[in-house]
Amino acid sequence: MTEIWESSFLENQRMWGFEPADSAILAKDFFLEQGLHDILIPGIGYGRNAKVFMDNGIHVTGIEISRTAIELARQEGLDLTVYHGSVTDMPFDAKRYDGIFCYALIHLLNHREREKFIRDCYSQLKPNGYMVFTTISKKAPMFGKGKQLDTDYFEIADGMKMFFYDADSIRQEFGNYGLIESTEVVEPHKHAENKPPFTFHMIKCRKAE
């Protein structure tokens, strides 16, 4: 996984542009409504989704597997702590956060890794904290493409494996971690408007007191 993303950022640099995803904007609004001030973003990339939180007074800490992506964030002037490593190696600190936002990452993990990742994120929340995951839906055009590895889990390209969520798998995987709701978000490709949008699930969980 490290090699895939490091080579992708080396080759494509700011491959998604620098405009935040719609779900990042929605999560920012939700976090502000809930009075959250300090969040963790696993898979922060080069920071395109971090900036919308930072610009609204929310302190951000990141985790990122690609050193190149971390350097790109620095070049964009983002002044924040980013731990270099895979989310499968969480936690990187003993801190508890008000909120966690994770965009388009969890579906890249296998079942065991997803279980650990959700558990690790939940453990790093403060009581009454919230975590928001945006993950790919079975309505996305890549669903069913490539080599099937397991139920709803496909290798859609060489080394690129994706698990596609639906309502049942969301309940199964997040149900024990304060699941509040899951809504669909249709994400346009803002950097490439000729590409069809992808349908994502935006999953919200709240940690009990």
C-alpha atoms as a PDB file:
ATOM      1  CA  MET A   1       0.000   0.000   0.000  1.00  0.00           C
ATOM      2  CA  THR A   2       2.844   2.409   0.854  1.00  0.00           C
ATOM      3  CA  GLU A   3       4.452   1.908  -2.554  1.00  0.00           C
ATOM      4  CA  ILE A   4       1.178   2.495  -4.414  1.00  0.00           C
ATOM      5  CA  TRP A   5       0.447   5.825  -2.762  1.00  0.00           C
ATOM      6  CA  GLU A   6       4.024   7.069  -2.672  1.00  0.00           C
ATOM      7  CA  SER A   7       4.394   6.456  -6.419  1.00  0.00           C
ATOM      8  CA  SER A   8       0.956   8.003  -7.066  1.00  0.00           C
ATOM      9  CA  PHE A   9       1.847  11.233  -5.270  1.00  0.00           C
ATOM     10  CA  LEU A  10       5.299  11.328  -6.854  1.00  0.00           C
ATOM     11  CA  GLU A  11       3.826  10.926 -10.326  1.00  0.00           C
ATOM     12  CA  ASN A  12       0.577  12.880 -10.007  1.00  0.00           C
ATOM     13  CA  GLN A  13       1.385  15.340  -7.195  1.00  0.00           C
ATOM     14  CA  ARG A  14      -1.837  17.216  -6.306  1.00  0.00           C
ATOM     15  CA  MET A  15      -3.931  14.657  -8.173  1.00  0.00           C
ATOM     16  CA  TRP A  16      -7.314  15.780  -6.810  1.00  0.00           C
ATOM     17  CA  GLY A  17      -6.714  19.507  -7.022  1.00  0.00           C
ATOM     18  CA  PHE A  18      -6.950  21.606  -3.879  1.00  0.00           C
ATOM     19  CA  GLU A  19     -10.683  22.163  -3.563  1.00  0.00           C
ATOM     20  CA  PRO A  20     -12.133  20.191  -0.627  1.00  0.00           C
ATOM     21  CA  ALA A  21     -14.509  17.300  -1.182  1.00  0.00           C
ATOM     22  CA  ASP A  22     -18.187  18.109  -0.592  1.00  0.00           C
ATOM     23  CA  SER A  23     -18.274  15.668   2.318  1.00  0.00           C
ATOM     24  CA  ALA A  24     -15.356  17.496   3.964  1.00  0.00           C
ATOM     25  CA  ILE A  25     -17.404  20.705   3.804  1.00  0.00           C
ATOM     26  CA  LEU A  26     -20.420  18.888   5.273  1.00  0.00           C
ATOM     27  CA  ALA A  27     -18.262  17.384   8.037  1.00  0.00           C
ATOM     28  CA  LYS A  28     -16.783  20.814   8.804  1.00  0.00           C
ATOM     29  CA  ASP A  29     -20.278  22.268   9.201  1.00  0.00           C
ATOM     30  CA  PHE A  30     -21.332  19.331  11.393  1.00  0.00           C
ATOM     31  CA  PHE A  31     -18.244  19.579  13.612  1.00  0.00           C
ATOM     32  CA  LEU A  32     -18.760  23.322  14.064  1.00  0.00           C
ATOM     33  CA  GLU A  33     -22.417  22.727  15.006  1.00  0.00           C
ATOM     34  CA  GLN A  34     -21.255  20.253  17.631  1.00  0.00           C
ATOM     35  CA  GLY A  35     -18.614  22.638  18.970  1.00  0.00           C
ATOM     36  CA  LEU A  36     -15.608  20.484  18.040  1.00  0.00           C
ATOM     37  CA  HIS A  37     -12.207  22.199  18.012  1.00  0.00           C
ATOM     38  CA  ASP A  38      -9.557  19.475  17.723  1.00  0.00           C
ATOM     39  CA  ILE A  39      -9.726  16.687  15.117  1.00  0.00           C
ATOM     40  CA  LEU A  40      -7.683  13.877  13.615  1.00  0.00           C
ATOM     41  CA  ILE A  41      -7.649  13.193   9.865  1.00  0.00           C
ATOM     42  CA  PRO A  42      -6.268   9.735   9.023  1.00  0.00           C
ATOM     43  CA  GLY A  43      -5.139   9.626   5.403  1.00  0.00           C
ATOM     44  CA  ILE A  44      -4.711  13.380   5.205  1.00  0.00           C
ATOM     45  CA  GLY A  45      -2.880  13.255   1.864  1.00  0.00           C
ATOM     46  CA  TYR A  46      -1.576  16.678   0.841  1.00  0.00           C
ATOM     47  CA  GLY A  47      -4.191  18.416   2.958  1.00  0.00           C
ATOM     48  CA  ARG A  48      -6.898  19.457   0.507  1.00  0.00           C
ATOM     49  CA  ASN A  49      -9.614  18.401   2.979  1.00  0.00           C
ATOM     50  CA  ALA A  50      -7.713  19.605   6.046  1.00  0.00           C
ATOM     51  CA  LYS A  51      -7.633  23.240   4.984  1.00  0.00           C
ATOM     52  CA  VAL A  52     -11.411  23.734   5.164  1.00  0.00           C
ATOM     53  CA  PHE A  53     -11.325  22.713   8.841  1.00  0.00           C
ATOM     54  CA  MET A  54      -8.253  24.799   9.638  1.00  0.00           C
ATOM     55  CA  ASP A  55      -9.721  27.858   7.910  1.00  0.00           C
ATOM     56  CA  ASN A  56     -12.675  27.590  10.290  1.00  0.00           C
ATOM     57  CA  GLY A  57     -10.663  27.494  13.488  1.00  0.00           C
ATOM     58  CA  ILE A  58     -10.487  23.726  13.963  1.00  0.00           C
ATOM     59  CA  HIS A  59      -7.101  22.312  14.991  1.00  0.00           C
ATOM     60  CA  VAL A  60      -6.065  19.398  12.752  1.00  0.00           C
ATOM     61  CA  THR A  61      -3.627  16.529  13.246  1.00  0.00           C
ATOM     62  CA  GLY A  62      -3.030  14.123  10.377  1.00  0.00           C
ATOM     63  CA  ILE A  63      -1.785  10.646   9.541  1.00  0.00           C
ATOM     64  CA  GLU A  64      -0.370   9.963   6.076  1.00  0.00           C
ATOM     65  CA  ILE A  65       1.376   6.976   4.490  1.00  0.00           C
ATOM     66  CA  SER A  66       3.160   8.992   1.771  1.00  0.00           C
ATOM     67  CA  ARG A  67       6.137  11.200   2.617  1.00  0.00           C
ATOM     68  CA  THR A  68       5.664  12.988  -0.707  1.00  0.00           C
ATOM     69  CA  ALA A  69       2.087  13.906   0.200  1.00  0.00           C
ATOM     70  CA  ILE A  70       3.253  15.265   3.566  1.00  0.00           C
ATOM     71  CA  GLU A  71       5.861  17.402   1.799  1.00  0.00           C
ATOM     72  CA  LEU A  72       3.221  18.672  -0.650  1.00  0.00           C
ATOM     73  CA  ALA A  73       1.095  19.762   2.323  1.00  0.00           C
ATOM     74  CA  ARG A  74       4.083  21.641   3.723  1.00  0.00           C
ATOM     75  CA  GLN A  75       4.567  23.332   0.342  1.00  0.00           C
ATOM     76  CA  GLU A  76       0.945  24.476   0.503  1.00  0.00           C
ATOM     77  CA  GLY A  77       1.739  26.202   3.793  1.00  0.00           C
ATOM     78  CA  LEU A  78      -0.262  23.877   6.026  1.00  0.00           C
ATOM     79  CA  ASP A  79       1.204  24.173   9.504  1.00  0.00           C
ATOM     80  CA  LEU A  80       0.103  21.035  11.325  1.00  0.00           C
ATOM     81  CA  THR A  81       1.377  17.804  12.835  1.00  0.00           C
ATOM     82  CA  VAL A  82       1.238  14.866  10.423  1.00  0.00           C
ATOM     83  CA  TYR A  83       2.349  11.429  11.565  1.00  0.00           C
ATOM     84  CA  HIS A  84       4.035   9.449   8.795  1.00  0.00           C
ATOM     85  CA  GLY A  85       2.728   5.904   8.634  1.00  0.00           C
ATOM     86  CA  SER A  86      -0.190   3.649   7.841  1.00  0.00           C
ATOM     87  CA  VAL A  87      -3.503   3.936   9.658  1.00  0.00           C
ATOM     88  CA  THR A  88      -3.164   0.198  10.304  1.00  0.00           C
ATOM     89  CA  ASP A  89      -0.435   1.149  12.795  1.00  0.00           C
ATOM     90  CA  MET A  90      -2.620   3.505  14.850  1.00  0.00           C
ATOM     91  CA  PRO A  91      -2.445   4.943  17.403  1.00  0.00           C
ATOM     92  CA  PHE A  92       0.457   7.315  16.800  1.00  0.00           C
ATOM     93  CA  ASP A  93      -0.172   9.294  19.984  1.00  0.00           C
ATOM     94  CA  ALA A  94      -2.084   8.928  23.244  1.00  0.00           C
ATOM     95  CA  LYS A  95      -4.256  11.946  22.556  1.00  0.00           C
ATOM     96  CA  ARG A  96      -8.050  11.931  22.543  1.00  0.00           C
ATOM     97  CA  TYR A  97      -9.731  14.072  19.881  1.00  0.00           C
ATOM     98  CA  ASP A  98     -13.063  15.897  19.669  1.00  0.00           C
ATOM     99  CA  GLY A  99     -13.599  14.482  16.204  1.00  0.00           C
ATOM    100  CA  ILE A 100     -12.176  12.295  13.459  1.00  0.00           C
ATOM    101  CA  PHE A 101     -12.758  12.768   9.734  1.00  0.00           C
ATOM    102  CA  CYS A 102     -11.707  10.059   7.302  1.00  0.00           C
ATOM    103  CA  TYR A 103     -12.285  10.515   3.584  1.00  0.00           C
ATOM    104  CA  ALA A 104     -12.152   7.685   1.007  1.00  0.00           C
ATOM    105  CA  LEU A 105      -9.722   5.532   2.942  1.00  0.00           C
ATOM    106  CA  ILE A 106     -11.436   2.786   4.932  1.00  0.00           C
ATOM    107  CA  HIS A 107     -12.669   0.985   1.817  1.00  0.00           C
ATOM    108  CA  LEU A 108      -9.021   0.433   0.804  1.00  0.00           C
ATOM    109  CA  LEU A 109      -8.503  -1.869   3.808  1.00  0.00           C
ATOM    110  CA  ASN A 110      -9.324  -5.539   4.191  1.00  0.00           C
ATOM    111  CA  HIS A 111     -11.855  -6.779   6.754  1.00  0.00           C
ATOM    112  CA  ARG A 112      -9.381  -7.267   9.606  1.00  0.00           C
ATOM    113  CA  GLU A 113      -7.775  -3.876   8.950  1.00  0.00           C
ATOM    114  CA  ARG A 114     -11.158  -2.130   8.804  1.00  0.00           C
ATOM    115  CA  GLU A 115     -12.189  -3.636  12.138  1.00  0.00           C
ATOM    116  CA  LYS A 116      -8.977  -2.454  13.808  1.00  0.00           C
ATOM    117  CA  PHE A 117      -9.128   0.969  12.174  1.00  0.00           C
ATOM    118  CA  ILE A 118     -12.700   1.670  13.339  1.00  0.00           C
ATOM    119  CA  ARG A 119     -11.835   0.469  16.829  1.00  0.00           C
ATOM    120  CA  ASP A 120      -8.656   2.589  16.937  1.00  0.00           C
ATOM    121  CA  CYS A 121     -10.495   5.712  15.767  1.00  0.00           C
ATOM    122  CA  TYR A 122     -13.249   5.188  18.346  1.00  0.00           C
ATOM    123  CA  SER A 123     -10.630   4.711  21.079  1.00  0.00           C
ATOM    124  CA  GLN A 124      -9.042   8.068  20.207  1.00  0.00           C
ATOM    125  CA  LEU A 125     -12.298   9.982  20.584  1.00  0.00           C
ATOM    126  CA  LYS A 126     -13.129  11.941  23.695  1.00  0.00           C
ATOM    127  CA  PRO A 127     -16.474  11.135  25.333  1.00  0.00           C
ATOM    128  CA  ASN A 128     -19.211  12.819  23.258  1.00  0.00           C
ATOM    129  CA  GLY A 129     -16.784  12.982  20.334  1.00  0.00           C
ATOM    130  CA  TYR A 130     -17.803  12.261  16.752  1.00  0.00           C
ATOM    131  CA  MET A 131     -16.193  10.394  13.893  1.00  0.00           C
ATOM    132  CA  VAL A 132     -17.229  10.779  10.265  1.00  0.00           C
ATOM    133  CA  PHE A 133     -16.177   8.365   7.521  1.00  0.00           C
ATOM    134  CA  THR A 134     -16.793   8.895   3.812  1.00  0.00           C
ATOM    135  CA  THR A 135     -16.555   5.581   1.986  1.00  0.00           C
ATOM    136  CA  ILE A 136     -17.349   4.197  -1.432  1.00  0.00           C
ATOM    137  CA  SER A 137     -20.809   2.808  -2.186  1.00  0.00           C
ATOM    138  CA  LYS A 138     -21.860  -0.221  -4.206  1.00  0.00           C
ATOM    139  CA  LYS A 139     -23.472   2.342  -6.529  1.00  0.00           C
ATOM    140  CA  ALA A 140     -20.018   3.486  -7.679  1.00  0.00           C
ATOM    141  CA  PRO A 141     -19.152   2.527 -11.262  1.00  0.00           C
ATOM    142  CA  MET A 142     -16.164   0.389 -10.165  1.00  0.00           C
ATOM    143  CA  PHE A 143     -18.312  -2.021  -8.152  1.00  0.00           C
ATOM    144  CA  GLY A 144     -18.009  -5.560  -9.466  1.00  0.00           C
ATOM    145  CA  LYS A 145     -15.043  -4.713 -11.697  1.00  0.00           C
ATOM    146  CA  GLY A 146     -11.749  -6.586 -11.613  1.00  0.00           C
ATOM    147  CA  LYS A 147     -10.945  -9.652  -9.517  1.00  0.00           C
ATOM    148  CA  GLN A 148     -13.325 -10.508  -6.677  1.00  0.00           C
ATOM    149  CA  LEU A 149     -11.419 -11.226  -3.469  1.00  0.00           C
ATOM    150  CA  ASP A 150     -14.333 -11.551  -1.038  1.00  0.00           C
ATOM    151  CA  THR A 151     -17.929 -10.398  -0.638  1.00  0.00           C
ATOM    152  CA  ASP A 152     -18.134  -6.842  -2.070  1.00  0.00           C
ATOM    153  CA  TYR A 153     -14.307  -6.712  -2.110  1.00  0.00           C
ATOM    154  CA  PHE A 154     -12.527  -6.383  -5.470  1.00  0.00           C
ATOM    155  CA  GLU A 155      -9.063  -5.745  -6.847  1.00  0.00           C
ATOM    156  CA  ILE A 156     -10.157  -3.144  -9.390  1.00  0.00           C
ATOM    157  CA  ALA A 157      -6.620  -2.529 -10.670  1.00  0.00           C
ATOM    158  CA  ASP A 158      -3.189  -3.980  -9.974  1.00  0.00           C
ATOM    159  CA  GLY A 159      -2.715  -3.642  -6.207  1.00  0.00           C
ATOM    160  CA  MET A 160      -5.777  -1.399  -5.779  1.00  0.00           C
ATOM    161  CA  LYS A 161      -8.295  -3.283  -3.628  1.00  0.00           C
ATOM    162  CA  MET A 162     -11.644  -1.794  -2.590  1.00  0.00           C
ATOM    163  CA  PHE A 163     -14.487  -2.850  -0.340  1.00  0.00           C
ATOM    164  CA  PHE A 164     -17.872  -1.458  -1.379  1.00  0.00           C
ATOM    165  CA  TYR A 165     -20.276  -0.602   1.434  1.00  0.00           C
ATOM    166  CA  ASP A 166     -24.053  -0.844   1.660  1.00  0.00           C
ATOM    167  CA  ALA A 167     -26.496  -0.302   4.534  1.00  0.00           C
ATOM    168  CA  ASP A 168     -25.979  -3.832   5.892  1.00  0.00           C
ATOM    169  CA  SER A 169     -22.188  -3.724   5.994  1.00  0.00           C
ATOM    170  CA  ILE A 170     -22.291  -0.244   7.553  1.00  0.00           C
ATOM    171  CA  ARG A 171     -24.483  -1.565  10.373  1.00  0.00           C
ATOM    172  CA  GLN A 172     -22.275  -4.616  10.797  1.00  0.00           C
ATOM    173  CA  GLU A 173     -19.000  -2.712  10.981  1.00  0.00           C
ATOM    174  CA  PHE A 174     -20.042   0.516  12.733  1.00  0.00           C
ATOM    175  CA  GLY A 175     -23.040  -0.643  14.779  1.00  0.00           C
ATOM    176  CA  ASN A 176     -20.994  -1.221  17.929  1.00  0.00           C
ATOM    177  CA  TYR A 177     -19.252   2.141  17.639  1.00  0.00           C
ATOM    178  CA  GLY A 178     -22.000   4.686  18.193  1.00  0.00           C
ATOM    179  CA  LEU A 179     -23.467   4.683  14.686  1.00  0.00           C
ATOM    180  CA  ILE A 180     -25.865   7.611  14.347  1.00  0.00           C
ATOM    181  CA  GLU A 181     -26.648   7.724  10.649  1.00  0.00           C
ATOM    182  CA  SER A 182     -25.429   7.046   7.143  1.00  0.00           C
ATOM    183  CA  THR A 183     -26.346   9.257   4.211  1.00  0.00           C
ATOM    184  CA  GLU A 184     -25.423   9.187   0.545  1.00  0.00           C
ATOM    185  CA  VAL A 185     -23.147  11.876  -0.845  1.00  0.00           C
ATOM    186  CA  VAL A 186     -22.560  12.207  -4.583  1.00  0.00           C
ATOM    187  CA  GLU A 187     -19.016  13.526  -4.961  1.00  0.00           C
ATOM    188  CA  PRO A 188     -18.167  15.311  -8.219  1.00  0.00           C
ATOM    189  CA  HIS A 189     -14.629  15.170  -9.596  1.00  0.00           C
ATOM    190  CA  LYS A 190     -13.911  18.861  -9.160  1.00  0.00           C
ATOM    191  CA  HIS A 191     -10.490  18.548 -10.807  1.00  0.00           C
ATOM    192  CA  ALA A 192     -11.850  16.580 -13.771  1.00  0.00           C
ATOM    193  CA  GLU A 193     -15.411  17.594 -14.526  1.00  0.00           C
ATOM    194  CA  ASN A 194     -15.674  15.196 -17.473  1.00  0.00           C
ATOM    195  CA  LYS A 195     -15.490  12.190 -15.107  1.00  0.00           C
ATOM    196  CA  PRO A 196     -18.781  10.886 -13.680  1.00  0.00           C
ATOM    197  CA  PRO A 197     -19.381  11.532  -9.972  1.00  0.00           C
ATOM    198  CA  PHE A 198     -18.985   8.757  -7.406  1.00  0.00           C
ATOM    199  CA  THR A 199     -21.605   7.828  -4.830  1.00  0.00           C
ATOM    200  CA  PHE A 200     -20.257   7.643  -1.284  1.00  0.00           C
ATOM    201  CA  HIS A 201     -21.710   6.856   2.121  1.00  0.00           C
ATOM    202  CA  MET A 202     -21.119   9.466   4.821  1.00  0.00           C
ATOM    203  CA  ILE A 203     -21.143   7.597   8.143  1.00  0.00           C
ATOM    204  CA  LYS A 204     -21.483   9.412  11.469  1.00  0.00           C
ATOM    205  CA  CYS A 205     -20.735   7.893  14.869  1.00  0.00           C
ATOM    206  CA  ARG A 206     -20.824   9.378  18.364  1.00  0.00           C
ATOM    207  CA  LYS A 207     -18.895   8.117  21.363  1.00  0.00           C
ATOM    208  CA  ALA A 208     -20.968   7.792  24.523  1.00  0.00           C
ATOM    209  CA  GLU A 209     -19.995   9.672  27.662  1.00  0.00           C
END
